[in-house]
């Protein structure tokens, strides 16, 4: 990655402009390393959970997509991933349970709504 820097200096009524360049070498950390794991369309986590992170005790609003799959103990029946009009990641995770379908809705990798059989 490189860049330019311009500096101006006024002396004795004369202005001089100096241009310098800079080059950054080395590796730039991947952005994914700082983000939490999310589900792929196949229902698998995109990465392992960070070491030392504990699993929440129950399924509740605010958990991540991967935490849901770990708490359920099975791969989802279907995963739909899209983007909202506001540029947010929206994910619907479907589980076909014996009592009916359960849909878990996520916004930016946080559970925001649960729809279970018999609910509106």
PDB file of N, CA and C in Angstrom:
ATOM      1  N   UNK A   1       0.848  -1.146   0.000  1.00  0.00           N
ATOM      2  CA  UNK A   1       0.000   0.000   0.000  1.00  0.00           C
ATOM      3  C   UNK A   1       0.904   1.221   0.000  1.00  0.00           C
ATOM      4  N   UNK A   2       0.557   2.212  -0.747  1.00  0.00           N
ATOM      5  CA  UNK A   2       1.387   3.401  -0.817  1.00  0.00           C
ATOM      6  C   UNK A   2       0.543   4.651  -0.710  1.00  0.00           C
ATOM      7  N   UNK A   3       1.194   5.786  -0.577  1.00  0.00           N
ATOM      8  CA  UNK A   3       0.471   7.041  -0.481  1.00  0.00           C
ATOM      9  C   UNK A   3       1.379   8.211  -0.776  1.00  0.00           C
ATOM     10  N   UNK A   4       0.778   9.400  -0.882  1.00  0.00           N
ATOM     11  CA  UNK A   4       1.520  10.623  -1.163  1.00  0.00           C
ATOM     12  C   UNK A   4       1.281  11.621  -0.042  1.00  0.00           C
ATOM     13  N   UNK A   5       2.251  12.470   0.194  1.00  0.00           N
ATOM     14  CA  UNK A   5       2.111  13.567   1.159  1.00  0.00           C
ATOM     15  C   UNK A   5       2.623  14.830   0.491  1.00  0.00           C
ATOM     16  N   UNK A   6       1.852  15.914   0.589  1.00  0.00           N
ATOM     17  CA  UNK A   6       2.249  17.192   0.014  1.00  0.00           C
ATOM     18  C   UNK A   6       2.469  18.180   1.149  1.00  0.00           C
ATOM     19  N   UNK A   7       3.558  18.924   1.082  1.00  0.00           N
ATOM     20  CA  UNK A   7       3.812  19.962   2.075  1.00  0.00           C
ATOM     21  C   UNK A   7       4.196  21.233   1.345  1.00  0.00           C
ATOM     22  N   UNK A   8       3.772  22.356   1.884  1.00  0.00           N
ATOM     23  CA  UNK A   8       4.115  23.657   1.309  1.00  0.00           C
ATOM     24  C   UNK A   8       4.921  24.446   2.315  1.00  0.00           C
ATOM     25  N   UNK A   9       5.851  25.260   1.799  1.00  0.00           N
ATOM     26  CA  UNK A   9       6.701  26.059   2.662  1.00  0.00           C
ATOM     27  C   UNK A   9       6.852  27.424   2.015  1.00  0.00           C
ATOM     28  N   UNK A  10       6.589  28.477   2.773  1.00  0.00           N
ATOM     29  CA  UNK A  10       6.741  29.838   2.246  1.00  0.00           C
ATOM     30  C   UNK A  10       7.931  30.494   2.908  1.00  0.00           C
ATOM     31  N   UNK A  11       8.889  30.936   2.069  1.00  0.00           N
ATOM     32  CA  UNK A  11      10.051  31.663   2.566  1.00  0.00           C
ATOM     33  C   UNK A  11      10.351  32.784   1.590  1.00  0.00           C
ATOM     34  N   UNK A  12      10.623  33.907   2.112  1.00  0.00           N
ATOM     35  CA  UNK A  12      10.994  35.071   1.305  1.00  0.00           C
ATOM     36  C   UNK A  12       9.980  35.330   0.193  1.00  0.00           C
ATOM     37  N   UNK A  13       8.663  35.098   0.471  1.00  0.00           N
ATOM     38  CA  UNK A  13       7.648  35.358  -0.529  1.00  0.00           C
ATOM     39  C   UNK A  13       7.543  34.288  -1.599  1.00  0.00           C
ATOM     40  N   UNK A  14       8.337  33.264  -1.504  1.00  0.00           N
ATOM     41  CA  UNK A  14       8.289  32.186  -2.491  1.00  0.00           C
ATOM     42  C   UNK A  14       7.709  30.930  -1.834  1.00  0.00           C
ATOM     43  N   UNK A  15       6.877  30.236  -2.551  1.00  0.00           N
ATOM     44  CA  UNK A  15       6.269  29.008  -2.031  1.00  0.00           C
ATOM     45  C   UNK A  15       6.849  27.822  -2.778  1.00  0.00           C
ATOM     46  N   UNK A  16       7.280  26.846  -2.015  1.00  0.00           N
ATOM     47  CA  UNK A  16       7.761  25.612  -2.626  1.00  0.00           C
ATOM     48  C   UNK A  16       6.883  24.460  -2.140  1.00  0.00           C
ATOM     49  N   UNK A  17       6.648  23.539  -3.014  1.00  0.00           N
ATOM     50  CA  UNK A  17       5.841  22.363  -2.670  1.00  0.00           C
ATOM     51  C   UNK A  17       6.707  21.135  -2.811  1.00  0.00           C
ATOM     52  N   UNK A  18       6.654  20.308  -1.791  1.00  0.00           N
ATOM     53  CA  UNK A  18       7.433  19.071  -1.781  1.00  0.00           C
ATOM     54  C   UNK A  18       6.468  17.896  -1.792  1.00  0.00           C
ATOM     55  N   UNK A  19       6.769  16.904  -2.593  1.00  0.00           N
ATOM     56  CA  UNK A  19       5.969  15.683  -2.647  1.00  0.00           C
ATOM     57  C   UNK A  19       6.821  14.538  -2.165  1.00  0.00           C
ATOM     58  N   UNK A  20       6.265  13.747  -1.264  1.00  0.00           N
ATOM     59  CA  UNK A  20       6.974  12.565  -0.804  1.00  0.00           C
ATOM     60  C   UNK A  20       6.038  11.370  -0.898  1.00  0.00           C
ATOM     61  N   UNK A  21       6.596  10.209  -1.033  1.00  0.00           N
ATOM     62  CA  UNK A  21       5.788   9.001  -1.095  1.00  0.00           C
ATOM     63  C   UNK A  21       6.156   8.102   0.078  1.00  0.00           C
ATOM     64  N   UNK A  22       5.209   7.292   0.437  1.00  0.00           N
ATOM     65  CA  UNK A  22       5.442   6.333   1.516  1.00  0.00           C
ATOM     66  C   UNK A  22       4.879   4.990   1.080  1.00  0.00           C
ATOM     67  N   UNK A  23       5.556   3.943   1.448  1.00  0.00           N
ATOM     68  CA  UNK A  23       5.092   2.598   1.145  1.00  0.00           C
ATOM     69  C   UNK A  23       5.018   1.801   2.426  1.00  0.00           C
ATOM     70  N   UNK A  24       3.891   1.120   2.620  1.00  0.00           N
ATOM     71  CA  UNK A  24       3.710   0.283   3.795  1.00  0.00           C
ATOM     72  C   UNK A  24       3.911  -1.158   3.346  1.00  0.00           C
ATOM     73  N   UNK A  25       4.778  -1.846   4.027  1.00  0.00           N
ATOM     74  CA  UNK A  25       5.014  -3.243   3.693  1.00  0.00           C
ATOM     75  C   UNK A  25       4.567  -4.121   4.845  1.00  0.00           C
ATOM     76  N   UNK A  26       4.479  -5.382   4.587  1.00  0.00           N
ATOM     77  CA  UNK A  26       4.038  -6.318   5.621  1.00  0.00           C
ATOM     78  C   UNK A  26       2.632  -6.773   5.330  1.00  0.00           C
ATOM     79  N   UNK A  27       2.065  -7.473   6.267  1.00  0.00           N
ATOM     80  CA  UNK A  27       0.718  -7.987   6.068  1.00  0.00           C
ATOM     81  C   UNK A  27      -0.270  -7.149   6.837  1.00  0.00           C
ATOM     82  N   UNK A  28      -1.436  -7.040   6.279  1.00  0.00           N
ATOM     83  CA  UNK A  28      -2.525  -6.329   6.926  1.00  0.00           C
ATOM     84  C   UNK A  28      -3.443  -7.390   7.513  1.00  0.00           C
ATOM     85  N   UNK A  29      -3.795  -7.301   8.785  1.00  0.00           N
ATOM     86  CA  UNK A  29      -4.641  -8.329   9.391  1.00  0.00           C
ATOM     87  C   UNK A  29      -5.964  -8.455   8.642  1.00  0.00           C
ATOM     88  N   UNK A  30      -6.415  -9.666   8.475  1.00  0.00           N
ATOM     89  CA  UNK A  30      -7.689  -9.908   7.806  1.00  0.00           C
ATOM     90  C   UNK A  30      -8.818  -9.388   8.669  1.00  0.00           C
ATOM     91  N   UNK A  31      -9.788  -8.762   8.063  1.00  0.00           N
ATOM     92  CA  UNK A  31     -10.904  -8.203   8.799  1.00  0.00           C
ATOM     93  C   UNK A  31     -11.725  -9.304   9.477  1.00  0.00           C
ATOM     94  N   UNK A  32     -11.801 -10.458   8.835  1.00  0.00           N
ATOM     95  CA  UNK A  32     -12.582 -11.556   9.398  1.00  0.00           C
ATOM     96  C   UNK A  32     -12.060 -11.990  10.764  1.00  0.00           C
ATOM     97  N   UNK A  33     -10.797 -11.777  11.026  1.00  0.00           N
ATOM     98  CA  UNK A  33     -10.227 -12.193  12.305  1.00  0.00           C
ATOM     99  C   UNK A  33     -10.823 -11.412  13.470  1.00  0.00           C
ATOM    100  N   UNK A  34     -11.371 -10.231  13.207  1.00  0.00           N
ATOM    101  CA  UNK A  34     -11.936  -9.424  14.281  1.00  0.00           C
ATOM    102  C   UNK A  34     -13.443  -9.569  14.363  1.00  0.00           C
ATOM    103  N   UNK A  35     -14.047 -10.304  13.445  1.00  0.00           N
ATOM    104  CA  UNK A  35     -15.489 -10.483  13.454  1.00  0.00           C
ATOM    105  C   UNK A  35     -15.844 -11.840  14.029  1.00  0.00           C
ATOM    106  N   UNK A  36     -17.045 -11.929  14.575  1.00  0.00           N
ATOM    107  CA  UNK A  36     -17.514 -13.195  15.107  1.00  0.00           C
ATOM    108  C   UNK A  36     -17.899 -14.134  13.973  1.00  0.00           C
ATOM    109  N   UNK A  37     -17.786 -15.419  14.237  1.00  0.00           N
ATOM    110  CA  UNK A  37     -18.162 -16.426  13.250  1.00  0.00           C
ATOM    111  C   UNK A  37     -19.651 -16.311  12.944  1.00  0.00           C
ATOM    112  N   UNK A  38     -19.996 -16.562  11.694  1.00  0.00           N
ATOM    113  CA  UNK A  38     -21.394 -16.554  11.272  1.00  0.00           C
ATOM    114  C   UNK A  38     -21.651 -17.816  10.460  1.00  0.00           C
ATOM    115  N   UNK A  39     -22.924 -18.069  10.159  1.00  0.00           N
ATOM    116  CA  UNK A  39     -23.275 -19.275   9.419  1.00  0.00           C
ATOM    117  C   UNK A  39     -23.066 -19.096   7.922  1.00  0.00           C
ATOM    118  N   UNK A  40     -22.705 -20.193   7.279  1.00  0.00           N
ATOM    119  CA  UNK A  40     -22.646 -20.239   5.825  1.00  0.00           C
ATOM    120  C   UNK A  40     -24.023 -20.703   5.342  1.00  0.00           C
ATOM    121  N   UNK A  41     -24.311 -20.591   4.038  1.00  0.00           N
ATOM    122  CA  UNK A  41     -25.593 -21.092   3.528  1.00  0.00           C
ATOM    123  C   UNK A  41     -25.802 -22.593   3.771  1.00  0.00           C
ATOM    124  N   UNK A  42     -24.713 -23.325   4.009  1.00  0.00           N
ATOM    125  CA  UNK A  42     -24.809 -24.760   4.281  1.00  0.00           C
ATOM    126  C   UNK A  42     -25.094 -25.049   5.758  1.00  0.00           C
ATOM    127  N   UNK A  43     -25.148 -24.020   6.589  1.00  0.00           N
ATOM    128  CA  UNK A  43     -25.453 -24.208   8.002  1.00  0.00           C
ATOM    129  C   UNK A  43     -24.252 -24.498   8.870  1.00  0.00           C
ATOM    130  N   UNK A  44     -23.058 -24.222   8.362  1.00  0.00           N
ATOM    131  CA  UNK A  44     -21.834 -24.433   9.137  1.00  0.00           C
ATOM    132  C   UNK A  44     -21.269 -23.088   9.572  1.00  0.00           C
ATOM    133  N   UNK A  45     -20.541 -23.086  10.693  1.00  0.00           N
ATOM    134  CA  UNK A  45     -19.915 -21.861  11.172  1.00  0.00           C
ATOM    135  C   UNK A  45     -18.730 -21.513  10.282  1.00  0.00           C
ATOM    136  N   UNK A  46     -18.571 -20.226  10.000  1.00  0.00           N
ATOM    137  CA  UNK A  46     -17.489 -19.766   9.129  1.00  0.00           C
ATOM    138  C   UNK A  46     -16.127 -19.827   9.806  1.00  0.00           C
ATOM    139  N   UNK A  47     -16.107 -19.927  11.142  1.00  0.00           N
ATOM    140  CA  UNK A  47     -14.855 -19.993  11.906  1.00  0.00           C
ATOM    141  C   UNK A  47     -15.150 -20.590  13.276  1.00  0.00           C
ATOM    142  N   UNK A  48     -14.098 -20.973  13.967  1.00  0.00           N
ATOM    143  CA  UNK A  48     -14.242 -21.495  15.321  1.00  0.00           C
ATOM    144  C   UNK A  48     -14.450 -20.333  16.299  1.00  0.00           C
ATOM    145  N   UNK A  49     -15.154 -20.603  17.371  1.00  0.00           N
ATOM    146  CA  UNK A  49     -15.349 -19.592  18.416  1.00  0.00           C
ATOM    147  C   UNK A  49     -14.012 -19.314  19.088  1.00  0.00           C
ATOM    148  N   UNK A  50     -13.791 -18.078  19.506  1.00  0.00           N
ATOM    149  CA  UNK A  50     -12.538 -17.751  20.193  1.00  0.00           C
ATOM    150  C   UNK A  50     -12.369 -18.586  21.462  1.00  0.00           C
ATOM    151  N   UNK A  51     -11.135 -18.954  21.755  1.00  0.00           N
ATOM    152  CA  UNK A  51     -10.847 -19.745  22.955  1.00  0.00           C
ATOM    153  C   UNK A  51     -11.280 -18.975  24.198  1.00  0.00           C
ATOM    154  N   UNK A  52     -11.845 -19.679  25.150  1.00  0.00           N
ATOM    155  CA  UNK A  52     -12.247 -19.054  26.398  1.00  0.00           C
ATOM    156  C   UNK A  52     -13.650 -18.484  26.376  1.00  0.00           C
ATOM    157  N   UNK A  53     -14.278 -18.435  25.213  1.00  0.00           N
ATOM    158  CA  UNK A  53     -15.635 -17.897  25.147  1.00  0.00           C
ATOM    159  C   UNK A  53     -16.615 -18.983  25.555  1.00  0.00           C
ATOM    160  N   UNK A  54     -17.502 -18.672  26.491  1.00  0.00           N
ATOM    161  CA  UNK A  54     -18.462 -19.649  26.973  1.00  0.00           C
ATOM    162  C   UNK A  54     -19.767 -19.541  26.199  1.00  0.00           C
ATOM    163  N   UNK A  55     -20.419 -20.677  26.043  1.00  0.00           N
ATOM    164  CA  UNK A  55     -21.683 -20.749  25.340  1.00  0.00           C
ATOM    165  C   UNK A  55     -22.792 -20.215  26.244  1.00  0.00           C
ATOM    166  N   UNK A  56     -23.705 -19.403  25.711  1.00  0.00           N
ATOM    167  CA  UNK A  56     -24.809 -18.912  26.546  1.00  0.00           C
ATOM    168  C   UNK A  56     -25.632 -20.095  27.071  1.00  0.00           C
ATOM    169  N   UNK A  57     -26.316 -19.926  28.192  1.00  0.00           N
ATOM    170  CA  UNK A  57     -27.055 -21.039  28.787  1.00  0.00           C
ATOM    171  C   UNK A  57     -28.321 -21.433  28.018  1.00  0.00           C
ATOM    172  N   UNK A  58     -28.896 -20.513  27.238  1.00  0.00           N
ATOM    173  CA  UNK A  58     -30.129 -20.817  26.521  1.00  0.00           C
ATOM    174  C   UNK A  58     -30.263 -19.954  25.275  1.00  0.00           C
ATOM    175  N   UNK A  59     -31.206 -20.347  24.432  1.00  0.00           N
ATOM    176  CA  UNK A  59     -31.476 -19.592  23.209  1.00  0.00           C
ATOM    177  C   UNK A  59     -32.287 -18.366  23.591  1.00  0.00           C
ATOM    178  N   UNK A  60     -31.730 -17.195  23.337  1.00  0.00           N
ATOM    179  CA  UNK A  60     -32.391 -15.939  23.671  1.00  0.00           C
ATOM    180  C   UNK A  60     -31.907 -14.851  22.713  1.00  0.00           C
ATOM    181  N   UNK A  61     -32.669 -13.780  22.634  1.00  0.00           N
ATOM    182  CA  UNK A  61     -32.279 -12.660  21.778  1.00  0.00           C
ATOM    183  C   UNK A  61     -30.869 -12.217  22.109  1.00  0.00           C
ATOM    184  N   UNK A  62     -30.095 -11.910  21.064  1.00  0.00           N
ATOM    185  CA  UNK A  62     -28.743 -11.421  21.252  1.00  0.00           C
ATOM    186  C   UNK A  62     -27.659 -12.456  21.008  1.00  0.00           C
ATOM    187  N   UNK A  63     -28.008 -13.766  20.988  1.00  0.00           N
ATOM    188  CA  UNK A  63     -26.982 -14.770  20.716  1.00  0.00           C
ATOM    189  C   UNK A  63     -26.606 -14.723  19.230  1.00  0.00           C
ATOM    190  N   UNK A  64     -25.462 -15.299  18.890  1.00  0.00           N
ATOM    191  CA  UNK A  64     -25.005 -15.313  17.497  1.00  0.00           C
ATOM    192  C   UNK A  64     -25.571 -16.531  16.764  1.00  0.00           C
ATOM    193  N   UNK A  65     -25.417 -16.514  15.439  1.00  0.00           N
ATOM    194  CA  UNK A  65     -25.884 -17.620  14.602  1.00  0.00           C
ATOM    195  C   UNK A  65     -25.220 -18.938  14.998  1.00  0.00           C
ATOM    196  N   UNK A  66     -23.917 -18.914  15.188  1.00  0.00           N
ATOM    197  CA  UNK A  66     -23.185 -20.134  15.544  1.00  0.00           C
ATOM    198  C   UNK A  66     -23.536 -20.618  16.945  1.00  0.00           C
ATOM    199  N   UNK A  67     -23.799 -19.697  17.862  1.00  0.00           N
ATOM    200  CA  UNK A  67     -24.214 -20.098  19.205  1.00  0.00           C
ATOM    201  C   UNK A  67     -25.548 -20.844  19.132  1.00  0.00           C
ATOM    202  N   UNK A  68     -26.461 -20.406  18.262  1.00  0.00           N
ATOM    203  CA  UNK A  68     -27.733 -21.100  18.096  1.00  0.00           C
ATOM    204  C   UNK A  68     -27.507 -22.543  17.662  1.00  0.00           C
ATOM    205  N   UNK A  69     -26.678 -22.738  16.638  1.00  0.00           N
ATOM    206  CA  UNK A  69     -26.424 -24.087  16.126  1.00  0.00           C
ATOM    207  C   UNK A  69     -25.800 -24.969  17.210  1.00  0.00           C
ATOM    208  N   UNK A  70     -24.884 -24.416  17.984  1.00  0.00           N
ATOM    209  CA  UNK A  70     -24.264 -25.199  19.057  1.00  0.00           C
ATOM    210  C   UNK A  70     -25.280 -25.546  20.145  1.00  0.00           C
ATOM    211  N   UNK A  71     -26.153 -24.608  20.483  1.00  0.00           N
ATOM    212  CA  UNK A  71     -27.171 -24.878  21.501  1.00  0.00           C
ATOM    213  C   UNK A  71     -28.201 -25.894  21.008  1.00  0.00           C
ATOM    214  N   UNK A  72     -28.563 -25.836  19.735  1.00  0.00           N
ATOM    215  CA  UNK A  72     -29.528 -26.783  19.163  1.00  0.00           C
ATOM    216  C   UNK A  72     -28.902 -28.176  19.035  1.00  0.00           C
ATOM    217  N   UNK A  73     -27.599 -28.232  18.792  1.00  0.00           N
ATOM    218  CA  UNK A  73     -26.909 -29.513  18.699  1.00  0.00           C
ATOM    219  C   UNK A  73     -26.989 -30.194  17.344  1.00  0.00           C
ATOM    220  N   UNK A  74     -27.676 -29.592  16.394  1.00  0.00           N
ATOM    221  CA  UNK A  74     -27.785 -30.148  15.045  1.00  0.00           C
ATOM    222  C   UNK A  74     -27.696 -29.041  14.007  1.00  0.00           C
ATOM    223  N   UNK A  75     -27.345 -29.448  12.801  1.00  0.00           N
ATOM    224  CA  UNK A  75     -27.271 -28.502  11.679  1.00  0.00           C
ATOM    225  C   UNK A  75     -28.699 -28.075  11.310  1.00  0.00           C
ATOM    226  N   UNK A  76     -28.890 -26.802  10.954  1.00  0.00           N
ATOM    227  CA  UNK A  76     -30.232 -26.343  10.586  1.00  0.00           C
ATOM    228  C   UNK A  76     -30.733 -27.008   9.302  1.00  0.00           C
ATOM    229  N   UNK A  77     -32.052 -27.020   9.151  1.00  0.00           N
ATOM    230  CA  UNK A  77     -32.678 -27.543   7.942  1.00  0.00           C
ATOM    231  C   UNK A  77     -32.364 -26.647   6.753  1.00  0.00           C
ATOM    232  N   UNK A  78     -32.372 -25.325   6.970  1.00  0.00           N
ATOM    233  CA  UNK A  78     -32.106 -24.368   5.899  1.00  0.00           C
ATOM    234  C   UNK A  78     -31.600 -23.058   6.483  1.00  0.00           C
ATOM    235  N   UNK A  79     -30.771 -22.372   5.708  1.00  0.00           N
ATOM    236  CA  UNK A  79     -30.241 -21.065   6.104  1.00  0.00           C
ATOM    237  C   UNK A  79     -30.386 -20.126   4.914  1.00  0.00           C
ATOM    238  N   UNK A  80     -31.049 -19.002   5.130  1.00  0.00           N
ATOM    239  CA  UNK A  80     -31.194 -17.976   4.095  1.00  0.00           C
ATOM    240  C   UNK A  80     -30.439 -16.741   4.550  1.00  0.00           C
ATOM    241  N   UNK A  81     -29.544 -16.247   3.710  1.00  0.00           N
ATOM    242  CA  UNK A  81     -28.722 -15.086   4.061  1.00  0.00           C
ATOM    243  C   UNK A  81     -28.966 -13.993   3.038  1.00  0.00           C
ATOM    244  N   UNK A  82     -29.213 -12.799   3.518  1.00  0.00           N
ATOM    245  CA  UNK A  82     -29.441 -11.667   2.632  1.00  0.00           C
ATOM    246  C   UNK A  82     -28.970 -10.381   3.273  1.00  0.00           C
ATOM    247  N   UNK A  83     -29.380  -9.284   2.663  1.00  0.00           N
ATOM    248  CA  UNK A  83     -28.992  -7.968   3.156  1.00  0.00           C
ATOM    249  C   UNK A  83     -30.225  -7.089   3.233  1.00  0.00           C
ATOM    250  N   UNK A  84     -30.340  -6.338   4.315  1.00  0.00           N
ATOM    251  CA  UNK A  84     -31.472  -5.428   4.476  1.00  0.00           C
ATOM    252  C   UNK A  84     -31.244  -4.191   3.622  1.00  0.00           C
ATOM    253  N   UNK A  85     -32.247  -3.370   3.518  1.00  0.00           N
ATOM    254  CA  UNK A  85     -32.125  -2.112   2.800  1.00  0.00           C
ATOM    255  C   UNK A  85     -31.167  -1.148   3.470  1.00  0.00           C
ATOM    256  N   UNK A  86     -30.802  -1.451   4.726  1.00  0.00           N
ATOM    257  CA  UNK A  86     -29.866  -0.616   5.481  1.00  0.00           C
ATOM    258  C   UNK A  86     -28.451  -1.159   5.433  1.00  0.00           C
ATOM    259  N   UNK A  87     -28.212  -2.196   4.619  1.00  0.00           N
ATOM    260  CA  UNK A  87     -26.874  -2.759   4.499  1.00  0.00           C
ATOM    261  C   UNK A  87     -26.505  -3.732   5.604  1.00  0.00           C
ATOM    262  N   UNK A  88     -27.492  -4.189   6.368  1.00  0.00           N
ATOM    263  CA  UNK A  88     -27.226  -5.129   7.453  1.00  0.00           C
ATOM    264  C   UNK A  88     -27.364  -6.559   6.940  1.00  0.00           C
ATOM    265  N   UNK A  89     -26.584  -7.469   7.507  1.00  0.00           N
ATOM    266  CA  UNK A  89     -26.710  -8.887   7.188  1.00  0.00           C
ATOM    267  C   UNK A  89     -27.965  -9.404   7.878  1.00  0.00           C
ATOM    268  N   UNK A  90     -28.837 -10.050   7.109  1.00  0.00           N
ATOM    269  CA  UNK A  90     -30.030 -10.661   7.674  1.00  0.00           C
ATOM    270  C   UNK A  90     -29.998 -12.147   7.367  1.00  0.00           C
ATOM    271  N   UNK A  91     -30.203 -12.955   8.403  1.00  0.00           N
ATOM    272  CA  UNK A  91     -30.139 -14.403   8.264  1.00  0.00           C
ATOM    273  C   UNK A  91     -31.382 -15.014   8.883  1.00  0.00           C
ATOM    274  N   UNK A  92     -31.972 -15.974   8.159  1.00  0.00           N
ATOM    275  CA  UNK A  92     -33.077 -16.760   8.688  1.00  0.00           C
ATOM    276  C   UNK A  92     -32.604 -18.200   8.781  1.00  0.00           C
ATOM    277  N   UNK A  93     -32.719 -18.767   9.975  1.00  0.00           N
ATOM    278  CA  UNK A  93     -32.272 -20.131  10.217  1.00  0.00           C
ATOM    279  C   UNK A  93     -33.518 -20.960  10.526  1.00  0.00           C
ATOM    280  N   UNK A  94     -33.736 -22.008   9.719  1.00  0.00           N
ATOM    281  CA  UNK A  94     -34.918 -22.844   9.854  1.00  0.00           C
ATOM    282  C   UNK A  94     -34.551 -24.204  10.431  1.00  0.00           C
ATOM    283  N   UNK A  95     -35.323 -24.609  11.434  1.00  0.00           N
ATOM    284  CA  UNK A  95     -35.221 -25.955  11.985  1.00  0.00           C
ATOM    285  C   UNK A  95     -36.584 -26.617  11.836  1.00  0.00           C
ATOM    286  N   UNK A  96     -36.650 -27.766  11.156  1.00  0.00           N
ATOM    287  CA  UNK A  96     -37.885 -28.542  11.046  1.00  0.00           C
ATOM    288  C   UNK A  96     -37.922 -29.482  12.247  1.00  0.00           C
ATOM    289  N   UNK A  97     -38.672 -29.100  13.264  1.00  0.00           N
ATOM    290  CA  UNK A  97     -38.772 -29.873  14.500  1.00  0.00           C
ATOM    291  C   UNK A  97     -40.004 -30.772  14.427  1.00  0.00           C
ATOM    292  N   UNK A  98     -40.079 -31.810  15.273  1.00  0.00           N
ATOM    293  CA  UNK A  98     -41.252 -32.691  15.257  1.00  0.00           C
ATOM    294  C   UNK A  98     -42.577 -31.946  15.468  1.00  0.00           C
ATOM    295  N   UNK A  99     -42.567 -30.888  16.257  1.00  0.00           N
ATOM    296  CA  UNK A  99     -43.780 -30.111  16.519  1.00  0.00           C
ATOM    297  C   UNK A  99     -44.070 -29.044  15.477  1.00  0.00           C
ATOM    298  N   UNK A 100     -43.201 -28.867  14.506  1.00  0.00           N
ATOM    299  CA  UNK A 100     -43.378 -27.846  13.477  1.00  0.00           C
ATOM    300  C   UNK A 100     -42.074 -27.124  13.200  1.00  0.00           C
ATOM    301  N   UNK A 101     -42.157 -26.142  12.342  1.00  0.00           N
ATOM    302  CA  UNK A 101     -40.962 -25.382  11.955  1.00  0.00           C
ATOM    303  C   UNK A 101     -40.673 -24.263  12.941  1.00  0.00           C
ATOM    304  N   UNK A 102     -39.396 -24.091  13.224  1.00  0.00           N
ATOM    305  CA  UNK A 102     -38.939 -22.974  14.048  1.00  0.00           C
ATOM    306  C   UNK A 102     -38.033 -22.117  13.181  1.00  0.00           C
ATOM    307  N   UNK A 103     -38.296 -20.822  13.160  1.00  0.00           N
ATOM    308  CA  UNK A 103     -37.483 -19.897  12.377  1.00  0.00           C
ATOM    309  C   UNK A 103     -36.819 -18.914  13.330  1.00  0.00           C
ATOM    310  N   UNK A 104     -35.506 -18.807  13.193  1.00  0.00           N
ATOM    311  CA  UNK A 104     -34.715 -17.891  14.009  1.00  0.00           C
ATOM    312  C   UNK A 104     -34.196 -16.796  13.088  1.00  0.00           C
ATOM    313  N   UNK A 105     -34.523 -15.550  13.388  1.00  0.00           N
ATOM    314  CA  UNK A 105     -34.144 -14.423  12.540  1.00  0.00           C
ATOM    315  C   UNK A 105     -33.032 -13.614  13.206  1.00  0.00           C
ATOM    316  N   UNK A 106     -31.984 -13.362  12.419  1.00  0.00           N
ATOM    317  CA  UNK A 106     -30.812 -12.639  12.908  1.00  0.00           C
ATOM    318  C   UNK A 106     -30.600 -11.369  12.101  1.00  0.00           C
ATOM    319  N   UNK A 107     -30.157 -10.326  12.762  1.00  0.00           N
ATOM    320  CA  UNK A 107     -29.723  -9.092  12.119  1.00  0.00           C
ATOM    321  C   UNK A 107     -28.306  -8.819  12.590  1.00  0.00           C
ATOM    322  N   UNK A 108     -27.387  -8.722  11.626  1.00  0.00           N
ATOM    323  CA  UNK A 108     -25.967  -8.522  11.930  1.00  0.00           C
ATOM    324  C   UNK A 108     -25.468  -9.534  12.968  1.00  0.00           C
ATOM    325  N   UNK A 109     -25.815 -10.807  12.755  1.00  0.00           N
ATOM    326  CA  UNK A 109     -25.335 -11.928  13.557  1.00  0.00           C
ATOM    327  C   UNK A 109     -25.831 -11.905  15.006  1.00  0.00           C
ATOM    328  N   UNK A 110     -26.970 -11.281  15.254  1.00  0.00           N
ATOM    329  CA  UNK A 110     -27.579 -11.280  16.583  1.00  0.00           C
ATOM    330  C   UNK A 110     -29.036 -11.704  16.434  1.00  0.00           C
ATOM    331  N   UNK A 111     -29.446 -12.691  17.248  1.00  0.00           N
ATOM    332  CA  UNK A 111     -30.821 -13.169  17.205  1.00  0.00           C
ATOM    333  C   UNK A 111     -31.764 -12.035  17.584  1.00  0.00           C
ATOM    334  N   UNK A 112     -32.714 -11.758  16.680  1.00  0.00           N
ATOM    335  CA  UNK A 112     -33.637 -10.657  16.929  1.00  0.00           C
ATOM    336  C   UNK A 112     -35.085 -11.127  17.066  1.00  0.00           C
ATOM    337  N   UNK A 113     -35.388 -12.343  16.552  1.00  0.00           N
ATOM    338  CA  UNK A 113     -36.774 -12.807  16.611  1.00  0.00           C
ATOM    339  C   UNK A 113     -36.824 -14.321  16.434  1.00  0.00           C
ATOM    340  N   UNK A 114     -37.762 -14.959  17.143  1.00  0.00           N
ATOM    341  CA  UNK A 114     -37.977 -16.402  17.033  1.00  0.00           C
ATOM    342  C   UNK A 114     -39.460 -16.622  16.668  1.00  0.00           C
ATOM    343  N   UNK A 115     -39.696 -17.436  15.633  1.00  0.00           N
ATOM    344  CA  UNK A 115     -41.062 -17.795  15.253  1.00  0.00           C
ATOM    345  C   UNK A 115     -41.193 -19.301  15.401  1.00  0.00           C
ATOM    346  N   UNK A 116     -42.072 -19.727  16.327  1.00  0.00           N
ATOM    347  CA  UNK A 116     -42.290 -21.149  16.583  1.00  0.00           C
ATOM    348  C   UNK A 116     -43.726 -21.501  16.215  1.00  0.00           C
ATOM    349  N   UNK A 117     -44.029 -22.807  16.076  1.00  0.00           N
ATOM    350  CA  UNK A 117     -45.392 -23.216  15.750  1.00  0.00           C
ATOM    351  C   UNK A 117     -46.407 -22.633  16.732  1.00  0.00           C
ATOM    352  N   UNK A 118     -47.496 -22.142  16.193  1.00  0.00           N
ATOM    353  CA  UNK A 118     -48.538 -21.579  17.042  1.00  0.00           C
ATOM    354  C   UNK A 118     -48.344 -20.108  17.352  1.00  0.00           C
ATOM    355  N   UNK A 119     -47.219 -19.520  16.935  1.00  0.00           N
ATOM    356  CA  UNK A 119     -46.969 -18.098  17.168  1.00  0.00           C
ATOM    357  C   UNK A 119     -47.261 -17.336  15.875  1.00  0.00           C
ATOM    358  N   UNK A 120     -47.576 -16.054  16.005  1.00  0.00           N
ATOM    359  CA  UNK A 120     -47.844 -15.217  14.840  1.00  0.00           C
ATOM    360  C   UNK A 120     -46.630 -14.674  14.194  1.00  0.00           C
TER     361      UNK A 120
END
